[in-house]
């Protein structure tokens, strides 16, 4: 089976190397002999989200987010149906905000979201910038995610499950200790860097869920992740200290 990837608006949403998330997802599939097809979808392109197994939405500025909303509003029902059917989604920063109800700018203007999840975002007085460590549970296994945040928005989950608990950094809003959000097979995060190269466990979970959605054998062959794990641990020790 070929895993089909939709990279949404790659020309607009590629802050801090977010494109690397798609590259790493695809490479970890290929190392296991799993064929991958990557389709880039830009403004105005025709798309049927149910045809895809993995959807990636990166980060962008407020202007790009407004353009995305306008383009996606006409096809939001198609995206909602695909999400409810198990489409695997990774949404970063602006893409994360887009999945929610709205983004309220400093002047009070609201950029509407797609309303696929119940979170909302308001502009903060300062930016949350720096490296982040997050305690998360992925596929029933506890792990620590690392990444880099740089956002002015403050996102509030309104009862949605967070991706994890912040051990270092600001996270969703700098106050409640949460980072990211999860709903069905949708994973949202503020972590750039990009996120997946630093966190192979998360990448493999996304691959596993993509295979499961199509009823395929989802038992992944293990890879030699020694280099990735050393890099992950080095950042954790730098930020939290050795234990």
C-alpha atoms as a PDB file:
ATOM      1  CA  UNK A   1       0.000   0.000   0.000  1.00  0.00           C
ATOM      2  CA  UNK A   2       1.150   3.546  -0.800  1.00  0.00           C
ATOM      3  CA  UNK A   3       0.679   6.180   1.904  1.00  0.00           C
ATOM      4  CA  UNK A   4      -0.605   9.339   0.240  1.00  0.00           C
ATOM      5  CA  UNK A   5       0.455  12.604   1.878  1.00  0.00           C
ATOM      6  CA  UNK A   6      -1.254  15.963   1.396  1.00  0.00           C
ATOM      7  CA  UNK A   7       1.098  18.878   2.061  1.00  0.00           C
ATOM      8  CA  UNK A   8      -1.324  21.777   2.329  1.00  0.00           C
ATOM      9  CA  UNK A   9      -0.179  25.220   1.150  1.00  0.00           C
ATOM     10  CA  UNK A  10       3.587  24.516   1.206  1.00  0.00           C
ATOM     11  CA  UNK A  11       4.233  27.825  -0.548  1.00  0.00           C
ATOM     12  CA  UNK A  12       2.552  29.790   2.280  1.00  0.00           C
ATOM     13  CA  UNK A  13       3.137  27.706   5.387  1.00  0.00           C
ATOM     14  CA  UNK A  14       6.792  26.866   5.911  1.00  0.00           C
ATOM     15  CA  UNK A  15       7.990  28.802   8.947  1.00  0.00           C
ATOM     16  CA  UNK A  16      11.134  27.496  10.659  1.00  0.00           C
ATOM     17  CA  UNK A  17      11.612  24.555   8.317  1.00  0.00           C
ATOM     18  CA  UNK A  18       8.155  23.033   8.740  1.00  0.00           C
ATOM     19  CA  UNK A  19       8.545  21.310   5.350  1.00  0.00           C
ATOM     20  CA  UNK A  20      11.009  19.016   7.104  1.00  0.00           C
ATOM     21  CA  UNK A  21       8.103  17.280   8.832  1.00  0.00           C
ATOM     22  CA  UNK A  22       6.853  15.932   5.502  1.00  0.00           C
ATOM     23  CA  UNK A  23      10.369  14.952   4.435  1.00  0.00           C
ATOM     24  CA  UNK A  24      10.993  12.964   7.622  1.00  0.00           C
ATOM     25  CA  UNK A  25       7.576  11.287   7.563  1.00  0.00           C
ATOM     26  CA  UNK A  26       8.247  10.121   4.011  1.00  0.00           C
ATOM     27  CA  UNK A  27      11.830   9.008   4.689  1.00  0.00           C
ATOM     28  CA  UNK A  28      10.919   6.887   7.708  1.00  0.00           C
ATOM     29  CA  UNK A  29       8.315   5.175   5.515  1.00  0.00           C
ATOM     30  CA  UNK A  30      10.819   4.563   2.708  1.00  0.00           C
ATOM     31  CA  UNK A  31      13.421   3.130   5.075  1.00  0.00           C
ATOM     32  CA  UNK A  32      10.817   0.463   5.877  1.00  0.00           C
ATOM     33  CA  UNK A  33       9.879  -0.170   2.262  1.00  0.00           C
ATOM     34  CA  UNK A  34       6.526   1.616   2.556  1.00  0.00           C
ATOM     35  CA  UNK A  35       5.807   3.557  -0.668  1.00  0.00           C
ATOM     36  CA  UNK A  36       4.898   7.231  -0.211  1.00  0.00           C
ATOM     37  CA  UNK A  37       3.336   9.740  -2.578  1.00  0.00           C
ATOM     38  CA  UNK A  38       3.449  13.433  -1.630  1.00  0.00           C
ATOM     39  CA  UNK A  39       0.903  15.784  -3.170  1.00  0.00           C
ATOM     40  CA  UNK A  40       1.291  19.540  -2.686  1.00  0.00           C
ATOM     41  CA  UNK A  41      -2.009  21.414  -2.591  1.00  0.00           C
ATOM     42  CA  UNK A  42      -1.931  25.190  -3.038  1.00  0.00           C
ATOM     43  CA  UNK A  43      -4.540  27.949  -3.057  1.00  0.00           C
ATOM     44  CA  UNK A  44      -7.339  27.171  -5.497  1.00  0.00           C
ATOM     45  CA  UNK A  45      -6.275  23.578  -6.196  1.00  0.00           C
ATOM     46  CA  UNK A  46      -8.914  20.883  -6.237  1.00  0.00           C
ATOM     47  CA  UNK A  47      -8.664  18.454  -3.323  1.00  0.00           C
ATOM     48  CA  UNK A  48     -10.670  15.602  -1.848  1.00  0.00           C
ATOM     49  CA  UNK A  49      -9.308  15.034   1.643  1.00  0.00           C
ATOM     50  CA  UNK A  50     -10.727  11.530   1.958  1.00  0.00           C
ATOM     51  CA  UNK A  51      -8.250  10.436  -0.744  1.00  0.00           C
ATOM     52  CA  UNK A  52      -5.315  11.105   1.590  1.00  0.00           C
ATOM     53  CA  UNK A  53      -3.847   9.209   4.519  1.00  0.00           C
ATOM     54  CA  UNK A  54      -1.758  11.974   6.121  1.00  0.00           C
ATOM     55  CA  UNK A  55      -2.365  15.726   5.980  1.00  0.00           C
ATOM     56  CA  UNK A  56       0.276  18.240   7.019  1.00  0.00           C
ATOM     57  CA  UNK A  57      -0.499  21.917   7.705  1.00  0.00           C
ATOM     58  CA  UNK A  58       2.464  24.120   8.646  1.00  0.00           C
ATOM     59  CA  UNK A  59       2.852  27.516  10.255  1.00  0.00           C
ATOM     60  CA  UNK A  60       2.450  30.945   8.689  1.00  0.00           C
ATOM     61  CA  UNK A  61       1.763  34.584   9.514  1.00  0.00           C
ATOM     62  CA  UNK A  62      -1.642  36.112  10.264  1.00  0.00           C
ATOM     63  CA  UNK A  63      -1.926  37.169   6.603  1.00  0.00           C
ATOM     64  CA  UNK A  64      -1.349  33.637   5.334  1.00  0.00           C
ATOM     65  CA  UNK A  65      -3.809  32.275   7.875  1.00  0.00           C
ATOM     66  CA  UNK A  66      -6.492  34.608   6.527  1.00  0.00           C
ATOM     67  CA  UNK A  67      -5.836  33.405   2.973  1.00  0.00           C
ATOM     68  CA  UNK A  68      -6.068  29.788   4.101  1.00  0.00           C
ATOM     69  CA  UNK A  69      -9.407  30.286   5.818  1.00  0.00           C
ATOM     70  CA  UNK A  70     -10.894  31.881   2.725  1.00  0.00           C
ATOM     71  CA  UNK A  71      -9.696  29.031   0.532  1.00  0.00           C
ATOM     72  CA  UNK A  72     -10.668  26.223   2.922  1.00  0.00           C
ATOM     73  CA  UNK A  73     -14.088  27.474   3.983  1.00  0.00           C
ATOM     74  CA  UNK A  74     -15.678  26.167   0.798  1.00  0.00           C
ATOM     75  CA  UNK A  75     -14.279  22.675   1.447  1.00  0.00           C
ATOM     76  CA  UNK A  76     -14.464  22.515   5.239  1.00  0.00           C
ATOM     77  CA  UNK A  77     -17.252  19.929   5.201  1.00  0.00           C
ATOM     78  CA  UNK A  78     -15.090  17.631   3.104  1.00  0.00           C
ATOM     79  CA  UNK A  79     -12.181  18.074   5.538  1.00  0.00           C
ATOM     80  CA  UNK A  80     -14.447  17.533   8.560  1.00  0.00           C
ATOM     81  CA  UNK A  81     -15.772  14.299   7.095  1.00  0.00           C
ATOM     82  CA  UNK A  82     -12.233  13.059   6.436  1.00  0.00           C
ATOM     83  CA  UNK A  83     -11.145  13.914   9.982  1.00  0.00           C
ATOM     84  CA  UNK A  84     -14.123  12.055  11.432  1.00  0.00           C
ATOM     85  CA  UNK A  85     -13.235   9.118   9.187  1.00  0.00           C
ATOM     86  CA  UNK A  86      -9.743   8.951  10.700  1.00  0.00           C
ATOM     87  CA  UNK A  87      -7.584  11.135   8.456  1.00  0.00           C
ATOM     88  CA  UNK A  88      -4.226  11.599  10.179  1.00  0.00           C
ATOM     89  CA  UNK A  89      -3.362  15.296  10.554  1.00  0.00           C
ATOM     90  CA  UNK A  90      -0.356  17.165  11.894  1.00  0.00           C
ATOM     91  CA  UNK A  91      -1.037  20.912  12.261  1.00  0.00           C
ATOM     92  CA  UNK A  92       1.719  23.265  13.417  1.00  0.00           C
ATOM     93  CA  UNK A  93       1.387  26.805  14.850  1.00  0.00           C
ATOM     94  CA  UNK A  94      -0.789  28.770  12.387  1.00  0.00           C
ATOM     95  CA  UNK A  95      -2.185  25.493  11.094  1.00  0.00           C
ATOM     96  CA  UNK A  96      -3.015  24.539  14.681  1.00  0.00           C
ATOM     97  CA  UNK A  97      -4.843  27.831  15.250  1.00  0.00           C
ATOM     98  CA  UNK A  98      -6.705  27.353  11.972  1.00  0.00           C
ATOM     99  CA  UNK A  99      -8.239  24.087  13.185  1.00  0.00           C
ATOM    100  CA  UNK A 100      -9.979  25.923  16.036  1.00  0.00           C
ATOM    101  CA  UNK A 101     -12.796  28.431  16.334  1.00  0.00           C
ATOM    102  CA  UNK A 102     -10.985  31.748  15.838  1.00  0.00           C
ATOM    103  CA  UNK A 103      -7.851  33.848  16.297  1.00  0.00           C
ATOM    104  CA  UNK A 104      -8.533  37.196  17.975  1.00  0.00           C
ATOM    105  CA  UNK A 105      -5.977  39.848  16.943  1.00  0.00           C
ATOM    106  CA  UNK A 106      -4.751  42.702  19.234  1.00  0.00           C
ATOM    107  CA  UNK A 107      -7.285  45.143  17.772  1.00  0.00           C
ATOM    108  CA  UNK A 108     -10.133  42.734  18.497  1.00  0.00           C
ATOM    109  CA  UNK A 109     -10.542  41.579  14.901  1.00  0.00           C
ATOM    110  CA  UNK A 110     -11.296  37.862  14.705  1.00  0.00           C
ATOM    111  CA  UNK A 111      -9.889  35.655  11.994  1.00  0.00           C
ATOM    112  CA  UNK A 112     -12.360  32.763  11.820  1.00  0.00           C
ATOM    113  CA  UNK A 113     -11.038  29.248  12.116  1.00  0.00           C
ATOM    114  CA  UNK A 114     -12.426  26.122  10.521  1.00  0.00           C
ATOM    115  CA  UNK A 115     -14.164  25.076  13.730  1.00  0.00           C
ATOM    116  CA  UNK A 116     -12.987  21.476  13.448  1.00  0.00           C
ATOM    117  CA  UNK A 117     -11.831  21.570  17.069  1.00  0.00           C
ATOM    118  CA  UNK A 118     -13.085  23.552  20.053  1.00  0.00           C
ATOM    119  CA  UNK A 119      -9.954  25.550  20.921  1.00  0.00           C
ATOM    120  CA  UNK A 120      -9.541  29.280  20.288  1.00  0.00           C
ATOM    121  CA  UNK A 121      -6.601  31.692  20.186  1.00  0.00           C
ATOM    122  CA  UNK A 122      -6.118  35.261  21.343  1.00  0.00           C
ATOM    123  CA  UNK A 123      -3.139  37.526  20.708  1.00  0.00           C
ATOM    124  CA  UNK A 124      -0.837  37.939  23.695  1.00  0.00           C
ATOM    125  CA  UNK A 125       1.158  40.973  24.814  1.00  0.00           C
ATOM    126  CA  UNK A 126       4.479  39.193  24.284  1.00  0.00           C
ATOM    127  CA  UNK A 127       5.788  36.306  22.205  1.00  0.00           C
ATOM    128  CA  UNK A 128       6.569  32.881  23.619  1.00  0.00           C
ATOM    129  CA  UNK A 129       9.983  32.032  22.186  1.00  0.00           C
ATOM    130  CA  UNK A 130      12.457  29.272  22.935  1.00  0.00           C
ATOM    131  CA  UNK A 131      13.060  25.553  23.226  1.00  0.00           C
ATOM    132  CA  UNK A 132      10.345  23.409  24.769  1.00  0.00           C
ATOM    133  CA  UNK A 133      10.137  20.019  26.481  1.00  0.00           C
ATOM    134  CA  UNK A 134       6.761  18.275  26.685  1.00  0.00           C
ATOM    135  CA  UNK A 135       5.661  15.145  28.532  1.00  0.00           C
ATOM    136  CA  UNK A 136       3.355  13.207  26.205  1.00  0.00           C
ATOM    137  CA  UNK A 137       1.785   9.787  25.839  1.00  0.00           C
ATOM    138  CA  UNK A 138       1.936   8.405  22.316  1.00  0.00           C
ATOM    139  CA  UNK A 139       0.239   5.132  21.567  1.00  0.00           C
ATOM    140  CA  UNK A 140       0.165   4.286  25.263  1.00  0.00           C
ATOM    141  CA  UNK A 141       3.900   4.954  25.689  1.00  0.00           C
ATOM    142  CA  UNK A 142       5.165   7.896  27.701  1.00  0.00           C
ATOM    143  CA  UNK A 143       7.758  10.020  25.931  1.00  0.00           C
ATOM    144  CA  UNK A 144       9.239  13.503  25.936  1.00  0.00           C
ATOM    145  CA  UNK A 145       8.918  15.724  22.912  1.00  0.00           C
ATOM    146  CA  UNK A 146      11.300  18.574  22.161  1.00  0.00           C
ATOM    147  CA  UNK A 147      10.927  21.499  19.785  1.00  0.00           C
ATOM    148  CA  UNK A 148      11.110  25.256  19.324  1.00  0.00           C
ATOM    149  CA  UNK A 149       8.234  27.694  19.805  1.00  0.00           C
ATOM    150  CA  UNK A 150       7.853  31.254  18.526  1.00  0.00           C
ATOM    151  CA  UNK A 151       4.277  32.508  18.697  1.00  0.00           C
ATOM    152  CA  UNK A 152       2.325  35.489  19.942  1.00  0.00           C
ATOM    153  CA  UNK A 153      -0.989  33.686  20.213  1.00  0.00           C
ATOM    154  CA  UNK A 154      -2.410  32.246  23.399  1.00  0.00           C
ATOM    155  CA  UNK A 155      -4.435  29.118  22.679  1.00  0.00           C
ATOM    156  CA  UNK A 156      -7.030  27.760  25.112  1.00  0.00           C
ATOM    157  CA  UNK A 157      -8.307  24.212  24.692  1.00  0.00           C
ATOM    158  CA  UNK A 158     -11.830  24.488  26.067  1.00  0.00           C
ATOM    159  CA  UNK A 159     -11.775  20.892  27.279  1.00  0.00           C
ATOM    160  CA  UNK A 160      -9.871  19.336  24.352  1.00  0.00           C
ATOM    161  CA  UNK A 161      -7.114  16.846  25.193  1.00  0.00           C
ATOM    162  CA  UNK A 162      -3.654  18.477  25.030  1.00  0.00           C
ATOM    163  CA  UNK A 163      -0.782  16.876  23.165  1.00  0.00           C
ATOM    164  CA  UNK A 164       1.160  16.957  26.417  1.00  0.00           C
ATOM    165  CA  UNK A 165       2.291  18.732  29.564  1.00  0.00           C
ATOM    166  CA  UNK A 166       4.938  21.451  29.373  1.00  0.00           C
ATOM    167  CA  UNK A 167       8.093  20.803  31.403  1.00  0.00           C
ATOM    168  CA  UNK A 168      10.028  23.724  29.928  1.00  0.00           C
ATOM    169  CA  UNK A 169       8.740  26.594  27.784  1.00  0.00           C
ATOM    170  CA  UNK A 170       5.463  28.406  27.261  1.00  0.00           C
ATOM    171  CA  UNK A 171       3.291  25.910  25.423  1.00  0.00           C
ATOM    172  CA  UNK A 172      -0.231  26.829  24.418  1.00  0.00           C
ATOM    173  CA  UNK A 173      -0.544  30.003  26.456  1.00  0.00           C
ATOM    174  CA  UNK A 174       2.248  30.258  29.020  1.00  0.00           C
ATOM    175  CA  UNK A 175      -0.119  29.755  31.938  1.00  0.00           C
ATOM    176  CA  UNK A 176      -1.923  26.406  32.064  1.00  0.00           C
ATOM    177  CA  UNK A 177       0.992  24.071  31.372  1.00  0.00           C
ATOM    178  CA  UNK A 178      -0.462  22.492  28.239  1.00  0.00           C
ATOM    179  CA  UNK A 179       1.073  22.147  24.760  1.00  0.00           C
ATOM    180  CA  UNK A 180      -0.758  21.294  21.592  1.00  0.00           C
ATOM    181  CA  UNK A 181      -4.042  19.469  21.192  1.00  0.00           C
ATOM    182  CA  UNK A 182      -5.391  16.090  20.082  1.00  0.00           C
ATOM    183  CA  UNK A 183      -8.686  15.037  18.547  1.00  0.00           C
ATOM    184  CA  UNK A 184      -9.194  11.611  16.923  1.00  0.00           C
ATOM    185  CA  UNK A 185      -6.125  11.315  14.607  1.00  0.00           C
ATOM    186  CA  UNK A 186      -5.437  15.071  14.616  1.00  0.00           C
ATOM    187  CA  UNK A 187      -2.255  16.240  16.352  1.00  0.00           C
ATOM    188  CA  UNK A 188      -1.675  19.967  16.860  1.00  0.00           C
ATOM    189  CA  UNK A 189       1.402  21.704  18.240  1.00  0.00           C
ATOM    190  CA  UNK A 190       3.239  25.007  18.424  1.00  0.00           C
ATOM    191  CA  UNK A 191       6.581  23.209  18.101  1.00  0.00           C
ATOM    192  CA  UNK A 192       8.648  24.081  15.052  1.00  0.00           C
ATOM    193  CA  UNK A 193      12.191  23.049  14.418  1.00  0.00           C
ATOM    194  CA  UNK A 194      10.810  21.047  12.547  1.00  0.00           C
ATOM    195  CA  UNK A 195       9.071  18.777  15.046  1.00  0.00           C
ATOM    196  CA  UNK A 196       9.263  15.270  13.560  1.00  0.00           C
ATOM    197  CA  UNK A 197      13.040  14.888  12.987  1.00  0.00           C
ATOM    198  CA  UNK A 198      13.593  15.492  16.705  1.00  0.00           C
ATOM    199  CA  UNK A 199      10.838  13.109  17.797  1.00  0.00           C
ATOM    200  CA  UNK A 200      10.850   9.781  15.903  1.00  0.00           C
ATOM    201  CA  UNK A 201       8.257   8.239  18.246  1.00  0.00           C
ATOM    202  CA  UNK A 202       5.694  10.821  17.127  1.00  0.00           C
ATOM    203  CA  UNK A 203       6.586  10.302  13.465  1.00  0.00           C
ATOM    204  CA  UNK A 204       6.134   6.552  13.768  1.00  0.00           C
ATOM    205  CA  UNK A 205       2.780   6.978  15.496  1.00  0.00           C
ATOM    206  CA  UNK A 206       1.562   9.100  12.579  1.00  0.00           C
ATOM    207  CA  UNK A 207       2.750   6.437  10.114  1.00  0.00           C
ATOM    208  CA  UNK A 208       1.079   3.687  12.153  1.00  0.00           C
ATOM    209  CA  UNK A 209      -2.238   5.544  12.264  1.00  0.00           C
ATOM    210  CA  UNK A 210      -2.059   6.226   8.511  1.00  0.00           C
ATOM    211  CA  UNK A 211      -1.708   2.489   7.854  1.00  0.00           C
ATOM    212  CA  UNK A 212      -4.444   1.601  10.346  1.00  0.00           C
ATOM    213  CA  UNK A 213      -6.883   3.945   8.637  1.00  0.00           C
ATOM    214  CA  UNK A 214      -6.603   1.885   5.438  1.00  0.00           C
ATOM    215  CA  UNK A 215      -6.802  -1.427   7.265  1.00  0.00           C
ATOM    216  CA  UNK A 216      -3.161  -2.281   6.522  1.00  0.00           C
ATOM    217  CA  UNK A 217      -0.569  -4.098   8.637  1.00  0.00           C
ATOM    218  CA  UNK A 218       0.674  -1.310  10.898  1.00  0.00           C
ATOM    219  CA  UNK A 219       3.461  -3.137  12.704  1.00  0.00           C
ATOM    220  CA  UNK A 220       6.492  -1.001  11.892  1.00  0.00           C
ATOM    221  CA  UNK A 221       9.953  -2.447  11.529  1.00  0.00           C
ATOM    222  CA  UNK A 222      12.243  -0.838  14.123  1.00  0.00           C
ATOM    223  CA  UNK A 223      14.844   1.630  12.884  1.00  0.00           C
ATOM    224  CA  UNK A 224      18.190   2.585  14.346  1.00  0.00           C
ATOM    225  CA  UNK A 225      17.172   5.823  16.084  1.00  0.00           C
ATOM    226  CA  UNK A 226      20.299   6.145  18.206  1.00  0.00           C
ATOM    227  CA  UNK A 227      21.323   9.478  16.645  1.00  0.00           C
ATOM    228  CA  UNK A 228      17.817  10.958  16.961  1.00  0.00           C
ATOM    229  CA  UNK A 229      17.464   9.755  20.544  1.00  0.00           C
ATOM    230  CA  UNK A 230      20.828  11.218  21.520  1.00  0.00           C
ATOM    231  CA  UNK A 231      19.847  14.587  20.038  1.00  0.00           C
ATOM    232  CA  UNK A 232      16.496  14.465  21.827  1.00  0.00           C
ATOM    233  CA  UNK A 233      18.118  13.563  25.144  1.00  0.00           C
ATOM    234  CA  UNK A 234      20.814  16.217  24.776  1.00  0.00           C
ATOM    235  CA  UNK A 235      18.151  18.925  24.475  1.00  0.00           C
ATOM    236  CA  UNK A 236      16.193  17.532  27.421  1.00  0.00           C
ATOM    237  CA  UNK A 237      19.300  17.506  29.618  1.00  0.00           C
ATOM    238  CA  UNK A 238      20.227  21.013  28.507  1.00  0.00           C
ATOM    239  CA  UNK A 239      16.825  22.378  29.475  1.00  0.00           C
ATOM    240  CA  UNK A 240      15.926  20.226  32.475  1.00  0.00           C
ATOM    241  CA  UNK A 241      19.331  19.071  33.719  1.00  0.00           C
ATOM    242  CA  UNK A 242      20.564  15.503  34.130  1.00  0.00           C
ATOM    243  CA  UNK A 243      18.639  13.136  36.372  1.00  0.00           C
END
